[in-house]
Amino acid sequence: MAEEPARELLRSLKVKLINILSADADFVLQHADSRSLVSRQGYEQVKAARVSSEKVRDLLDHVIQREEKAARGFLELLKEKDLQDTFPMLAFLKDLQLSTLSADETKTTAKREKALESEQTPSSKWTCKNGSDLVKEKQLMLVARAIGRSWKEIGRLALSIPSVRLEQIEEDHPLSHVERVFAMLRYWCTCQRKNATAAHLHSLLSQEDWALPPESIDFLLESS
């Protein structure tokens, strides 16, 4: 028997949603729990995941495995203002009318969203209106390797990331310094949306008080 529309759509968007929601997995989990979209056992299993991306993955799997009502509820949750404000790249869901989707329409919608994915993610090859390249994940990883133990200071002062978010990132990535710095930079990209350009990031990381060595970040100014 064919899978129901909301569950099918949620499954088709799984990879994209993991990429977006991993910036604050606990925020999503608490909202899902407040709407009873996860069982108590499911909540504990998801919460136990140590890595943010794994937490989102487990949450999506749990919701998909439940009834159609839970999948619809989760998709509607992602359209709420709190979620949209926290994850601006969820904007593509705002006009989605689940109640009118047939299975065939769901497949068409999923294909369209997949085609638009490069427009929604900071790692895409699209450019901003001002012509500056959006920073790519490969570039973020190279920058992450260049940032040392003062990463929290850089996060607070250069990137304007709240301390509570930095603490959460550190908790989500306890074993790898580079991974936690990479997660911080991805969170910055999520917040900046189309302002997350390589040139903008270079400018922020070149300020006198916390400037990184030019040779470690000047590649951000090179043409891609």
N, C-alpha and C. Protein backbone atom coordinates (compact mmCIF):
# COMPACT_ATOMS: atom_id res chain seq x y z
N MET A 1 0.85 -1.19 0.00
CA MET A 1 0.00 0.00 0.00
C MET A 1 0.89 1.24 0.00
N ALA A 2 0.50 2.24 -0.77
CA ALA A 2 1.30 3.46 -0.89
C ALA A 2 1.35 4.22 0.43
N GLU A 3 2.47 4.85 0.69
CA GLU A 3 2.61 5.61 1.92
C GLU A 3 1.76 6.87 1.84
N GLU A 4 1.22 7.29 2.99
CA GLU A 4 0.35 8.46 3.02
C GLU A 4 1.14 9.74 2.71
N PRO A 5 0.45 10.76 2.14
CA PRO A 5 1.14 11.95 1.61
C PRO A 5 2.10 12.64 2.57
N ALA A 6 1.67 12.95 3.80
CA ALA A 6 2.54 13.71 4.71
C ALA A 6 3.78 12.92 5.08
N ARG A 7 3.62 11.65 5.33
CA ARG A 7 4.76 10.81 5.69
C ARG A 7 5.72 10.68 4.51
N GLU A 8 5.16 10.54 3.31
CA GLU A 8 5.99 10.44 2.11
C GLU A 8 6.76 11.72 1.87
N LEU A 9 6.10 12.87 2.06
CA LEU A 9 6.76 14.15 1.87
C LEU A 9 7.86 14.35 2.91
N LEU A 10 7.56 14.01 4.14
CA LEU A 10 8.54 14.16 5.21
C LEU A 10 9.76 13.29 4.94
N ARG A 11 9.53 12.09 4.44
CA ARG A 11 10.65 11.20 4.12
C ARG A 11 11.48 11.77 2.98
N SER A 12 10.82 12.33 1.97
CA SER A 12 11.55 12.86 0.81
C SER A 12 12.39 14.08 1.18
N LEU A 13 11.98 14.81 2.22
CA LEU A 13 12.70 16.00 2.65
C LEU A 13 13.66 15.73 3.80
N LYS A 14 13.82 14.49 4.16
CA LYS A 14 14.57 14.11 5.36
C LYS A 14 15.99 14.68 5.37
N VAL A 15 16.74 14.46 4.32
CA VAL A 15 18.14 14.92 4.28
C VAL A 15 18.21 16.44 4.40
N LYS A 16 17.33 17.12 3.69
CA LYS A 16 17.31 18.58 3.72
C LYS A 16 16.96 19.09 5.11
N LEU A 17 15.98 18.46 5.75
CA LEU A 17 15.57 18.90 7.08
C LEU A 17 16.64 18.63 8.13
N ILE A 18 17.35 17.52 7.98
CA ILE A 18 18.46 17.24 8.91
C ILE A 18 19.50 18.36 8.80
N ASN A 19 19.81 18.76 7.59
CA ASN A 19 20.80 19.81 7.36
C ASN A 19 20.38 21.13 7.99
N ILE A 20 19.08 21.46 7.91
CA ILE A 20 18.58 22.73 8.43
C ILE A 20 18.41 22.69 9.95
N LEU A 21 17.75 21.64 10.45
CA LEU A 21 17.34 21.59 11.85
C LEU A 21 18.47 21.22 12.81
N SER A 22 19.57 20.71 12.28
CA SER A 22 20.69 20.32 13.15
C SER A 22 21.31 21.52 13.87
N ALA A 23 21.03 22.72 13.40
CA ALA A 23 21.56 23.91 14.07
C ALA A 23 21.01 24.04 15.49
N ASP A 24 19.83 23.46 15.76
CA ASP A 24 19.27 23.49 17.12
C ASP A 24 18.28 22.35 17.27
N ALA A 25 18.80 21.14 17.38
CA ALA A 25 17.97 19.94 17.44
C ALA A 25 17.08 19.92 18.67
N ASP A 26 17.60 20.35 19.81
CA ASP A 26 16.81 20.30 21.05
C ASP A 26 15.61 21.24 20.98
N PHE A 27 15.76 22.36 20.32
CA PHE A 27 14.66 23.30 20.16
C PHE A 27 13.51 22.63 19.42
N VAL A 28 13.83 21.91 18.35
CA VAL A 28 12.81 21.22 17.56
C VAL A 28 12.18 20.10 18.38
N LEU A 29 13.00 19.35 19.09
CA LEU A 29 12.49 18.23 19.89
C LEU A 29 11.50 18.71 20.93
N GLN A 30 11.83 19.80 21.64
CA GLN A 30 10.94 20.31 22.68
C GLN A 30 9.60 20.77 22.10
N HIS A 31 9.64 21.39 20.94
CA HIS A 31 8.40 21.82 20.30
C HIS A 31 7.57 20.63 19.84
N ALA A 32 8.25 19.62 19.30
CA ALA A 32 7.54 18.42 18.87
C ALA A 32 6.91 17.70 20.06
N ASP A 33 7.64 17.66 21.16
CA ASP A 33 7.12 17.01 22.37
C ASP A 33 5.93 17.77 22.93
N SER A 34 5.98 19.10 22.88
CA SER A 34 4.88 19.91 23.42
C SER A 34 3.59 19.68 22.65
N ARG A 35 3.71 19.21 21.41
CA ARG A 35 2.52 18.92 20.59
C ARG A 35 2.18 17.44 20.57
N SER A 36 2.88 16.67 21.40
CA SER A 36 2.64 15.23 21.48
C SER A 36 2.86 14.52 20.15
N LEU A 37 3.85 15.01 19.40
CA LEU A 37 4.17 14.39 18.12
C LEU A 37 5.13 13.22 18.28
N VAL A 38 5.69 13.07 19.48
CA VAL A 38 6.57 11.94 19.78
C VAL A 38 6.05 11.23 21.01
N SER A 39 6.24 9.93 21.07
CA SER A 39 5.85 9.17 22.26
C SER A 39 6.86 9.42 23.36
N ARG A 40 6.54 9.05 24.57
CA ARG A 40 7.49 9.25 25.67
C ARG A 40 8.77 8.44 25.44
N GLN A 41 8.60 7.21 24.98
CA GLN A 41 9.77 6.39 24.70
C GLN A 41 10.59 6.98 23.55
N GLY A 42 9.88 7.45 22.53
CA GLY A 42 10.56 8.07 21.41
C GLY A 42 11.31 9.32 21.82
N TYR A 43 10.71 10.11 22.70
CA TYR A 43 11.35 11.34 23.19
C TYR A 43 12.67 11.01 23.88
N GLU A 44 12.65 10.00 24.75
CA GLU A 44 13.87 9.64 25.48
C GLU A 44 14.95 9.11 24.55
N GLN A 45 14.54 8.35 23.54
CA GLN A 45 15.51 7.81 22.58
C GLN A 45 16.15 8.92 21.76
N VAL A 46 15.34 9.86 21.31
CA VAL A 46 15.87 10.98 20.52
C VAL A 46 16.78 11.85 21.37
N LYS A 47 16.36 12.17 22.57
CA LYS A 47 17.12 13.03 23.47
C LYS A 47 18.48 12.43 23.81
N ALA A 48 18.56 11.10 23.81
CA ALA A 48 19.80 10.42 24.19
C ALA A 48 20.89 10.54 23.13
N ALA A 49 20.52 10.89 21.91
CA ALA A 49 21.52 11.03 20.84
C ALA A 49 22.47 12.17 21.19
N ARG A 50 23.76 11.95 21.00
CA ARG A 50 24.77 12.93 21.40
C ARG A 50 25.06 13.96 20.32
N VAL A 51 24.91 13.57 19.07
CA VAL A 51 25.22 14.46 17.95
C VAL A 51 23.93 15.08 17.44
N SER A 52 23.95 16.36 17.21
CA SER A 52 22.75 17.09 16.82
C SER A 52 22.09 16.52 15.57
N SER A 53 22.89 16.21 14.54
CA SER A 53 22.32 15.68 13.30
C SER A 53 21.66 14.33 13.52
N GLU A 54 22.24 13.53 14.39
CA GLU A 54 21.65 12.23 14.71
C GLU A 54 20.34 12.39 15.48
N LYS A 55 20.28 13.43 16.31
CA LYS A 55 19.06 13.70 17.06
C LYS A 55 17.92 14.06 16.13
N VAL A 56 18.21 14.90 15.14
CA VAL A 56 17.18 15.28 14.16
C VAL A 56 16.79 14.07 13.32
N ARG A 57 17.77 13.29 12.91
CA ARG A 57 17.49 12.08 12.12
C ARG A 57 16.56 11.14 12.87
N ASP A 58 16.88 10.88 14.14
CA ASP A 58 16.06 9.98 14.94
C ASP A 58 14.65 10.53 15.15
N LEU A 59 14.55 11.84 15.32
CA LEU A 59 13.24 12.46 15.51
C LEU A 59 12.40 12.30 14.24
N LEU A 60 12.99 12.56 13.09
CA LEU A 60 12.26 12.40 11.83
C LEU A 60 11.84 10.95 11.60
N ASP A 61 12.75 10.03 11.87
CA ASP A 61 12.41 8.61 11.71
C ASP A 61 11.25 8.22 12.62
N HIS A 62 11.28 8.72 13.85
CA HIS A 62 10.22 8.40 14.80
C HIS A 62 8.87 8.93 14.33
N VAL A 63 8.85 10.18 13.87
CA VAL A 63 7.60 10.78 13.41
C VAL A 63 7.07 10.08 12.16
N ILE A 64 7.97 9.74 11.25
CA ILE A 64 7.58 9.07 10.00
C ILE A 64 6.98 7.70 10.30
N GLN A 65 7.51 7.02 11.31
CA GLN A 65 7.03 5.69 11.65
C GLN A 65 5.70 5.70 12.40
N ARG A 66 5.32 6.87 12.88
CA ARG A 66 4.03 6.98 13.55
C ARG A 66 2.91 7.16 12.52
N GLU A 67 1.72 7.50 12.98
CA GLU A 67 0.59 7.64 12.06
C GLU A 67 0.72 8.91 11.22
N GLU A 68 -0.09 8.97 10.16
CA GLU A 68 -0.09 10.12 9.26
C GLU A 68 -0.32 11.43 10.01
N LYS A 69 -1.15 11.38 11.04
CA LYS A 69 -1.46 12.58 11.81
C LYS A 69 -0.20 13.20 12.42
N ALA A 70 0.71 12.38 12.89
CA ALA A 70 1.94 12.89 13.49
C ALA A 70 2.82 13.56 12.44
N ALA A 71 2.90 12.96 11.25
CA ALA A 71 3.71 13.55 10.17
C ALA A 71 3.12 14.89 9.73
N ARG A 72 1.80 14.96 9.62
CA ARG A 72 1.17 16.22 9.25
C ARG A 72 1.42 17.28 10.33
N GLY A 73 1.28 16.85 11.58
CA GLY A 73 1.50 17.77 12.69
C GLY A 73 2.91 18.32 12.70
N PHE A 74 3.88 17.47 12.38
CA PHE A 74 5.28 17.91 12.39
C PHE A 74 5.54 18.90 11.26
N LEU A 75 4.98 18.63 10.09
CA LEU A 75 5.16 19.56 8.97
C LEU A 75 4.49 20.90 9.25
N GLU A 76 3.33 20.85 9.91
CA GLU A 76 2.67 22.10 10.29
C GLU A 76 3.49 22.84 11.34
N LEU A 77 4.12 22.10 12.25
CA LEU A 77 4.98 22.71 13.26
C LEU A 77 6.12 23.49 12.60
N LEU A 78 6.69 22.93 11.56
CA LEU A 78 7.82 23.57 10.87
C LEU A 78 7.42 24.87 10.17
N LYS A 79 6.11 25.09 10.03
CA LYS A 79 5.62 26.32 9.40
C LYS A 79 5.29 27.39 10.43
N GLU A 80 5.35 27.04 11.73
CA GLU A 80 5.04 28.00 12.78
C GLU A 80 6.11 29.09 12.87
N LYS A 81 5.72 30.26 13.39
CA LYS A 81 6.61 31.42 13.44
C LYS A 81 7.90 31.14 14.23
N ASP A 82 7.78 30.46 15.39
CA ASP A 82 8.97 30.18 16.19
C ASP A 82 9.99 29.37 15.41
N LEU A 83 9.51 28.38 14.68
CA LEU A 83 10.43 27.54 13.90
C LEU A 83 10.96 28.29 12.69
N GLN A 84 10.09 29.05 12.04
CA GLN A 84 10.52 29.82 10.87
C GLN A 84 11.55 30.88 11.25
N ASP A 85 11.37 31.52 12.41
CA ASP A 85 12.32 32.55 12.86
C ASP A 85 13.66 31.93 13.21
N THR A 86 13.63 30.74 13.82
CA THR A 86 14.86 30.07 14.24
C THR A 86 15.59 29.44 13.06
N PHE A 87 14.82 28.93 12.11
CA PHE A 87 15.41 28.27 10.94
C PHE A 87 14.86 28.93 9.66
N PRO A 88 15.40 30.07 9.26
CA PRO A 88 14.88 30.80 8.10
C PRO A 88 14.81 29.97 6.83
N MET A 89 15.66 28.96 6.72
CA MET A 89 15.67 28.15 5.49
C MET A 89 14.47 27.21 5.39
N LEU A 90 13.59 27.23 6.41
CA LEU A 90 12.34 26.47 6.32
C LEU A 90 11.26 27.25 5.58
N ALA A 91 11.59 28.42 5.09
CA ALA A 91 10.59 29.28 4.44
C ALA A 91 9.88 28.59 3.29
N PHE A 92 10.56 27.64 2.64
CA PHE A 92 9.95 26.98 1.49
C PHE A 92 8.70 26.18 1.87
N LEU A 93 8.51 25.89 3.17
CA LEU A 93 7.36 25.11 3.61
C LEU A 93 6.12 25.95 3.85
N LYS A 94 6.26 27.26 3.92
CA LYS A 94 5.16 28.12 4.35
C LYS A 94 3.90 27.99 3.50
N ASP A 95 4.07 27.84 2.22
CA ASP A 95 2.91 27.80 1.32
C ASP A 95 2.41 26.39 1.05
N LEU A 96 2.97 25.43 1.75
CA LEU A 96 2.59 24.04 1.53
C LEU A 96 1.24 23.75 2.18
N GLN A 97 0.28 23.30 1.42
CA GLN A 97 -1.04 22.97 1.93
C GLN A 97 -1.18 21.46 2.00
N LEU A 98 -0.91 20.89 3.14
CA LEU A 98 -0.91 19.44 3.29
C LEU A 98 -2.29 18.83 3.07
N SER A 99 -3.31 19.55 3.47
CA SER A 99 -4.65 18.97 3.41
C SER A 99 -5.11 18.69 1.99
N THR A 100 -4.49 19.34 1.02
CA THR A 100 -4.92 19.18 -0.36
C THR A 100 -3.97 18.33 -1.18
N LEU A 101 -2.94 17.80 -0.55
CA LEU A 101 -1.95 17.04 -1.30
C LEU A 101 -2.39 15.59 -1.53
N SER A 102 -2.34 15.17 -2.76
CA SER A 102 -2.51 13.76 -3.06
C SER A 102 -1.12 13.14 -3.09
N ALA A 103 -1.05 11.83 -3.20
CA ALA A 103 0.26 11.17 -3.25
C ALA A 103 1.07 11.65 -4.44
N ASP A 104 0.40 11.81 -5.61
CA ASP A 104 1.11 12.26 -6.80
C ASP A 104 1.59 13.69 -6.64
N GLU A 105 0.76 14.54 -6.02
CA GLU A 105 1.15 15.94 -5.81
C GLU A 105 2.31 16.03 -4.86
N THR A 106 2.34 15.14 -3.87
CA THR A 106 3.43 15.13 -2.90
C THR A 106 4.75 14.83 -3.58
N LYS A 107 4.73 13.86 -4.50
CA LYS A 107 5.95 13.52 -5.22
C LYS A 107 6.43 14.70 -6.05
N THR A 108 5.48 15.39 -6.69
CA THR A 108 5.84 16.55 -7.49
C THR A 108 6.44 17.65 -6.63
N THR A 109 5.82 17.89 -5.46
CA THR A 109 6.32 18.91 -4.54
C THR A 109 7.72 18.57 -4.07
N ALA A 110 7.93 17.30 -3.73
CA ALA A 110 9.24 16.86 -3.24
C ALA A 110 10.31 17.07 -4.29
N LYS A 111 9.97 16.76 -5.55
CA LYS A 111 10.94 16.95 -6.63
C LYS A 111 11.27 18.42 -6.81
N ARG A 112 10.23 19.27 -6.69
CA ARG A 112 10.45 20.71 -6.84
C ARG A 112 11.35 21.23 -5.72
N GLU A 113 11.11 20.77 -4.50
CA GLU A 113 11.92 21.24 -3.37
C GLU A 113 13.36 20.76 -3.51
N LYS A 114 13.53 19.55 -4.03
CA LYS A 114 14.88 19.05 -4.22
C LYS A 114 15.62 19.89 -5.26
N ALA A 115 14.90 20.29 -6.30
CA ALA A 115 15.51 21.12 -7.34
C ALA A 115 15.89 22.49 -6.81
N LEU A 116 15.13 22.98 -5.80
CA LEU A 116 15.40 24.30 -5.23
C LEU A 116 16.37 24.26 -4.06
N GLU A 117 16.82 23.08 -3.70
CA GLU A 117 17.63 22.93 -2.49
C GLU A 117 18.88 23.80 -2.51
N SER A 118 19.50 23.92 -3.68
CA SER A 118 20.73 24.71 -3.75
C SER A 118 20.47 26.17 -3.42
N GLU A 119 19.23 26.63 -3.61
CA GLU A 119 18.90 28.02 -3.30
C GLU A 119 18.76 28.21 -1.80
N GLN A 120 18.43 27.12 -1.07
CA GLN A 120 18.10 27.25 0.34
C GLN A 120 19.29 27.02 1.26
N THR A 121 20.35 26.38 0.77
CA THR A 121 21.45 26.01 1.65
C THR A 121 22.66 26.89 1.43
N PRO A 122 23.37 27.25 2.53
CA PRO A 122 24.55 28.11 2.42
C PRO A 122 25.65 27.49 1.59
N SER A 123 25.66 26.14 1.48
CA SER A 123 26.75 25.47 0.77
C SER A 123 26.50 25.40 -0.73
N SER A 124 25.46 26.02 -1.21
CA SER A 124 25.11 25.93 -2.63
C SER A 124 26.06 26.77 -3.47
N LYS A 125 25.87 26.67 -4.80
CA LYS A 125 26.69 27.43 -5.74
C LYS A 125 25.97 28.68 -6.21
N TRP A 126 24.80 28.96 -5.64
CA TRP A 126 24.09 30.18 -6.00
C TRP A 126 24.83 31.38 -5.44
N THR A 127 24.55 32.53 -6.00
CA THR A 127 25.19 33.75 -5.52
C THR A 127 24.15 34.72 -5.00
N CYS A 128 24.58 35.60 -4.13
CA CYS A 128 23.69 36.63 -3.62
C CYS A 128 23.45 37.67 -4.71
N LYS A 129 22.50 38.55 -4.45
CA LYS A 129 22.15 39.56 -5.44
C LYS A 129 23.31 40.52 -5.68
N ASN A 130 24.18 40.65 -4.68
CA ASN A 130 25.30 41.57 -4.86
C ASN A 130 26.47 40.91 -5.58
N GLY A 131 26.31 39.64 -5.97
CA GLY A 131 27.33 38.96 -6.74
C GLY A 131 28.34 38.20 -5.90
N SER A 132 28.34 38.36 -4.57
CA SER A 132 29.29 37.65 -3.73
C SER A 132 28.86 36.20 -3.57
N ASP A 133 29.83 35.31 -3.60
CA ASP A 133 29.52 33.89 -3.46
C ASP A 133 29.10 33.56 -2.03
N LEU A 134 28.06 32.76 -1.92
CA LEU A 134 27.71 32.23 -0.61
C LEU A 134 28.79 31.25 -0.19
N VAL A 135 29.14 31.29 1.08
CA VAL A 135 30.21 30.43 1.56
C VAL A 135 29.78 28.97 1.49
N LYS A 136 30.69 28.10 1.12
CA LYS A 136 30.40 26.69 0.93
C LYS A 136 30.90 25.88 2.13
N GLU A 137 30.34 24.69 2.28
CA GLU A 137 30.71 23.86 3.44
C GLU A 137 32.20 23.51 3.43
N LYS A 138 32.77 23.30 2.27
CA LYS A 138 34.20 23.01 2.20
C LYS A 138 35.00 24.18 2.75
N GLN A 139 34.57 25.40 2.42
CA GLN A 139 35.25 26.59 2.94
C GLN A 139 35.07 26.70 4.45
N LEU A 140 33.87 26.39 4.93
CA LEU A 140 33.63 26.44 6.37
C LEU A 140 34.54 25.47 7.12
N MET A 141 34.73 24.29 6.56
CA MET A 141 35.60 23.31 7.22
C MET A 141 37.04 23.80 7.26
N LEU A 142 37.50 24.45 6.18
CA LEU A 142 38.87 24.98 6.18
C LEU A 142 39.02 26.09 7.21
N VAL A 143 37.98 26.92 7.34
CA VAL A 143 38.02 27.98 8.35
C VAL A 143 38.01 27.37 9.74
N ALA A 144 37.19 26.34 9.93
CA ALA A 144 37.09 25.69 11.24
C ALA A 144 38.44 25.15 11.69
N ARG A 145 39.21 24.65 10.75
CA ARG A 145 40.54 24.11 11.08
C ARG A 145 41.51 25.23 11.49
N ALA A 146 41.21 26.46 11.08
CA ALA A 146 42.10 27.57 11.38
C ALA A 146 41.78 28.26 12.70
N ILE A 147 40.61 27.97 13.26
CA ILE A 147 40.19 28.62 14.51
C ILE A 147 40.59 27.74 15.69
N GLY A 148 41.30 28.35 16.63
CA GLY A 148 41.81 27.60 17.77
C GLY A 148 40.88 27.62 18.97
N ARG A 149 41.48 27.59 20.18
CA ARG A 149 40.72 27.46 21.41
C ARG A 149 39.89 28.68 21.75
N SER A 150 40.12 29.77 21.05
CA SER A 150 39.34 30.99 21.30
C SER A 150 38.05 31.02 20.47
N TRP A 151 37.59 29.84 20.04
CA TRP A 151 36.45 29.77 19.13
C TRP A 151 35.19 30.39 19.73
N LYS A 152 34.99 30.23 21.04
CA LYS A 152 33.79 30.80 21.66
C LYS A 152 33.85 32.33 21.65
N GLU A 153 35.02 32.87 21.90
CA GLU A 153 35.18 34.32 21.86
C GLU A 153 34.89 34.84 20.46
N ILE A 154 35.40 34.14 19.45
CA ILE A 154 35.14 34.53 18.06
C ILE A 154 33.65 34.41 17.77
N GLY A 155 33.03 33.36 18.28
CA GLY A 155 31.60 33.17 18.06
C GLY A 155 30.78 34.30 18.64
N ARG A 156 31.13 34.70 19.87
CA ARG A 156 30.37 35.77 20.54
C ARG A 156 30.63 37.14 19.91
N LEU A 157 31.90 37.47 19.74
CA LEU A 157 32.27 38.83 19.34
C LEU A 157 32.23 39.05 17.83
N ALA A 158 32.74 38.10 17.06
CA ALA A 158 32.81 38.28 15.61
C ALA A 158 31.52 37.87 14.92
N LEU A 159 30.92 36.77 15.38
CA LEU A 159 29.76 36.22 14.68
C LEU A 159 28.44 36.50 15.38
N SER A 160 28.50 37.13 16.56
CA SER A 160 27.29 37.51 17.32
C SER A 160 26.40 36.31 17.63
N ILE A 161 27.01 35.21 18.02
CA ILE A 161 26.27 34.01 18.39
C ILE A 161 26.09 33.98 19.90
N PRO A 162 24.88 33.77 20.41
CA PRO A 162 24.64 33.77 21.86
C PRO A 162 25.45 32.69 22.57
N SER A 163 25.84 32.99 23.80
CA SER A 163 26.64 32.04 24.58
C SER A 163 25.92 30.71 24.78
N VAL A 164 24.61 30.77 24.98
CA VAL A 164 23.85 29.54 25.21
C VAL A 164 23.92 28.63 23.99
N ARG A 165 23.94 29.22 22.80
CA ARG A 165 24.06 28.41 21.58
C ARG A 165 25.44 27.78 21.48
N LEU A 166 26.46 28.53 21.86
CA LEU A 166 27.82 28.00 21.81
C LEU A 166 27.99 26.85 22.80
N GLU A 167 27.37 26.98 23.96
CA GLU A 167 27.43 25.90 24.95
C GLU A 167 26.74 24.64 24.42
N GLN A 168 25.61 24.85 23.73
CA GLN A 168 24.89 23.71 23.17
C GLN A 168 25.71 23.03 22.08
N ILE A 169 26.36 23.82 21.25
CA ILE A 169 27.21 23.27 20.20
C ILE A 169 28.35 22.45 20.80
N GLU A 170 28.94 22.98 21.86
CA GLU A 170 30.02 22.26 22.53
C GLU A 170 29.52 20.93 23.10
N GLU A 171 28.33 20.94 23.66
CA GLU A 171 27.75 19.72 24.22
C GLU A 171 27.44 18.70 23.13
N ASP A 172 26.99 19.20 21.97
CA ASP A 172 26.64 18.30 20.86
C ASP A 172 27.87 17.69 20.19
N HIS A 173 29.02 18.35 20.33
CA HIS A 173 30.24 17.86 19.68
C HIS A 173 31.38 17.80 20.70
N PRO A 174 31.29 16.86 21.65
CA PRO A 174 32.27 16.81 22.75
C PRO A 174 33.64 16.26 22.36
N LEU A 175 33.73 15.56 21.24
CA LEU A 175 34.96 14.85 20.92
C LEU A 175 35.84 15.53 19.88
N SER A 176 35.29 16.45 19.12
CA SER A 176 36.05 17.06 18.03
C SER A 176 35.95 18.57 18.05
N HIS A 177 37.09 19.22 18.25
CA HIS A 177 37.13 20.68 18.23
C HIS A 177 36.74 21.23 16.86
N VAL A 178 37.26 20.62 15.82
CA VAL A 178 36.97 21.11 14.46
C VAL A 178 35.48 20.99 14.16
N GLU A 179 34.86 19.90 14.57
CA GLU A 179 33.43 19.70 14.29
C GLU A 179 32.57 20.73 15.02
N ARG A 180 32.96 21.08 16.25
CA ARG A 180 32.15 22.06 16.98
C ARG A 180 32.32 23.46 16.37
N VAL A 181 33.51 23.78 15.90
CA VAL A 181 33.71 25.08 15.24
C VAL A 181 32.97 25.09 13.91
N PHE A 182 33.00 23.98 13.20
CA PHE A 182 32.26 23.87 11.94
C PHE A 182 30.75 24.06 12.19
N ALA A 183 30.25 23.46 13.26
CA ALA A 183 28.82 23.60 13.60
C ALA A 183 28.50 25.05 13.93
N MET A 184 29.41 25.75 14.60
CA MET A 184 29.21 27.16 14.91
C MET A 184 29.12 27.98 13.62
N LEU A 185 30.00 27.71 12.68
CA LEU A 185 30.00 28.44 11.42
C LEU A 185 28.75 28.14 10.60
N ARG A 186 28.28 26.91 10.65
CA ARG A 186 27.04 26.57 9.94
C ARG A 186 25.85 27.27 10.57
N TYR A 187 25.87 27.39 11.89
CA TYR A 187 24.78 28.10 12.56
C TYR A 187 24.77 29.57 12.12
N TRP A 188 25.96 30.14 12.01
CA TRP A 188 26.06 31.52 11.52
C TRP A 188 25.46 31.63 10.12
N CYS A 189 25.77 30.68 9.26
CA CYS A 189 25.21 30.69 7.91
C CYS A 189 23.69 30.61 7.94
N THR A 190 23.15 29.76 8.81
CA THR A 190 21.70 29.62 8.91
C THR A 190 21.05 30.94 9.30
N CYS A 191 21.67 31.64 10.23
CA CYS A 191 21.12 32.92 10.69
C CYS A 191 21.27 34.01 9.63
N GLN A 192 22.36 33.98 8.91
CA GLN A 192 22.66 35.04 7.94
C GLN A 192 21.92 34.88 6.62
N ARG A 193 21.52 33.66 6.31
CA ARG A 193 20.84 33.37 5.05
C ARG A 193 21.65 33.89 3.86
N LYS A 194 21.08 34.81 3.08
CA LYS A 194 21.77 35.26 1.86
C LYS A 194 22.90 36.26 2.14
N ASN A 195 23.08 36.59 3.40
CA ASN A 195 24.24 37.42 3.76
C ASN A 195 25.44 36.55 4.16
N ALA A 196 25.26 35.23 4.10
CA ALA A 196 26.34 34.32 4.49
C ALA A 196 27.32 34.14 3.34
N THR A 197 27.95 35.24 2.95
CA THR A 197 28.91 35.20 1.86
C THR A 197 30.31 34.95 2.38
N ALA A 198 31.14 34.44 1.49
CA ALA A 198 32.54 34.20 1.85
C ALA A 198 33.22 35.51 2.23
N ALA A 199 32.92 36.57 1.48
CA ALA A 199 33.53 37.87 1.75
C ALA A 199 33.09 38.42 3.10
N HIS A 200 31.83 38.24 3.44
CA HIS A 200 31.32 38.72 4.73
C HIS A 200 32.00 37.99 5.87
N LEU A 201 32.11 36.67 5.75
CA LEU A 201 32.77 35.89 6.79
C LEU A 201 34.23 36.31 6.92
N HIS A 202 34.89 36.53 5.81
CA HIS A 202 36.29 36.97 5.84
C HIS A 202 36.41 38.30 6.57
N SER A 203 35.50 39.21 6.30
CA SER A 203 35.53 40.52 6.94
C SER A 203 35.38 40.41 8.45
N LEU A 204 34.45 39.57 8.89
CA LEU A 204 34.21 39.41 10.33
C LEU A 204 35.40 38.78 11.03
N LEU A 205 36.06 37.86 10.36
CA LEU A 205 37.18 37.15 10.98
C LEU A 205 38.50 37.89 10.81
N SER A 206 38.45 39.06 10.22
CA SER A 206 39.67 39.86 10.01
C SER A 206 39.74 41.06 10.95
N GLN A 207 38.75 41.20 11.84
CA GLN A 207 38.75 42.32 12.77
C GLN A 207 39.96 42.24 13.71
N GLU A 208 40.47 43.36 14.07
CA GLU A 208 41.75 43.44 14.78
C GLU A 208 41.81 42.62 16.07
N ASP A 209 40.75 42.69 16.88
CA ASP A 209 40.81 42.05 18.19
C ASP A 209 40.89 40.53 18.13
N TRP A 210 40.37 39.93 17.09
CA TRP A 210 40.36 38.46 17.01
C TRP A 210 40.78 37.97 15.62
N ALA A 211 41.49 38.80 14.90
CA ALA A 211 41.83 38.49 13.51
C ALA A 211 42.58 37.17 13.39
N LEU A 212 42.15 36.36 12.44
CA LEU A 212 42.87 35.13 12.12
C LEU A 212 43.99 35.45 11.15
N PRO A 213 45.02 34.64 11.09
CA PRO A 213 46.12 34.89 10.15
C PRO A 213 45.58 34.97 8.72
N PRO A 214 45.97 35.99 7.97
CA PRO A 214 45.45 36.16 6.60
C PRO A 214 45.58 34.91 5.74
N GLU A 215 46.71 34.20 5.89
CA GLU A 215 46.93 33.03 5.05
C GLU A 215 45.93 31.90 5.33
N SER A 216 45.26 31.98 6.48
CA SER A 216 44.31 30.91 6.83
C SER A 216 42.89 31.18 6.36
N ILE A 217 42.61 32.42 5.95
CA ILE A 217 41.24 32.75 5.53
C ILE A 217 41.16 33.51 4.19
N ASP A 218 42.29 33.90 3.65
CA ASP A 218 42.26 34.69 2.41
C ASP A 218 41.67 33.92 1.23
N PHE A 219 41.64 32.60 1.33
CA PHE A 219 41.03 31.81 0.26
C PHE A 219 39.54 32.14 0.11
N LEU A 220 38.93 32.72 1.15
CA LEU A 220 37.52 33.10 1.08
C LEU A 220 37.27 34.19 0.05
N LEU A 221 38.30 34.93 -0.30
CA LEU A 221 38.17 36.03 -1.25
C LEU A 221 38.47 35.60 -2.68
N GLU A 222 38.86 34.35 -2.84
CA GLU A 222 39.19 33.85 -4.19
C GLU A 222 37.91 33.53 -4.93
N SER A 223 37.91 33.67 -6.22
CA SER A 223 36.75 33.33 -7.05
C SER A 223 36.56 31.83 -7.04
N SER A 224 35.27 31.42 -6.94
CA SER A 224 34.98 29.99 -6.90
C SER A 224 34.74 29.46 -8.30
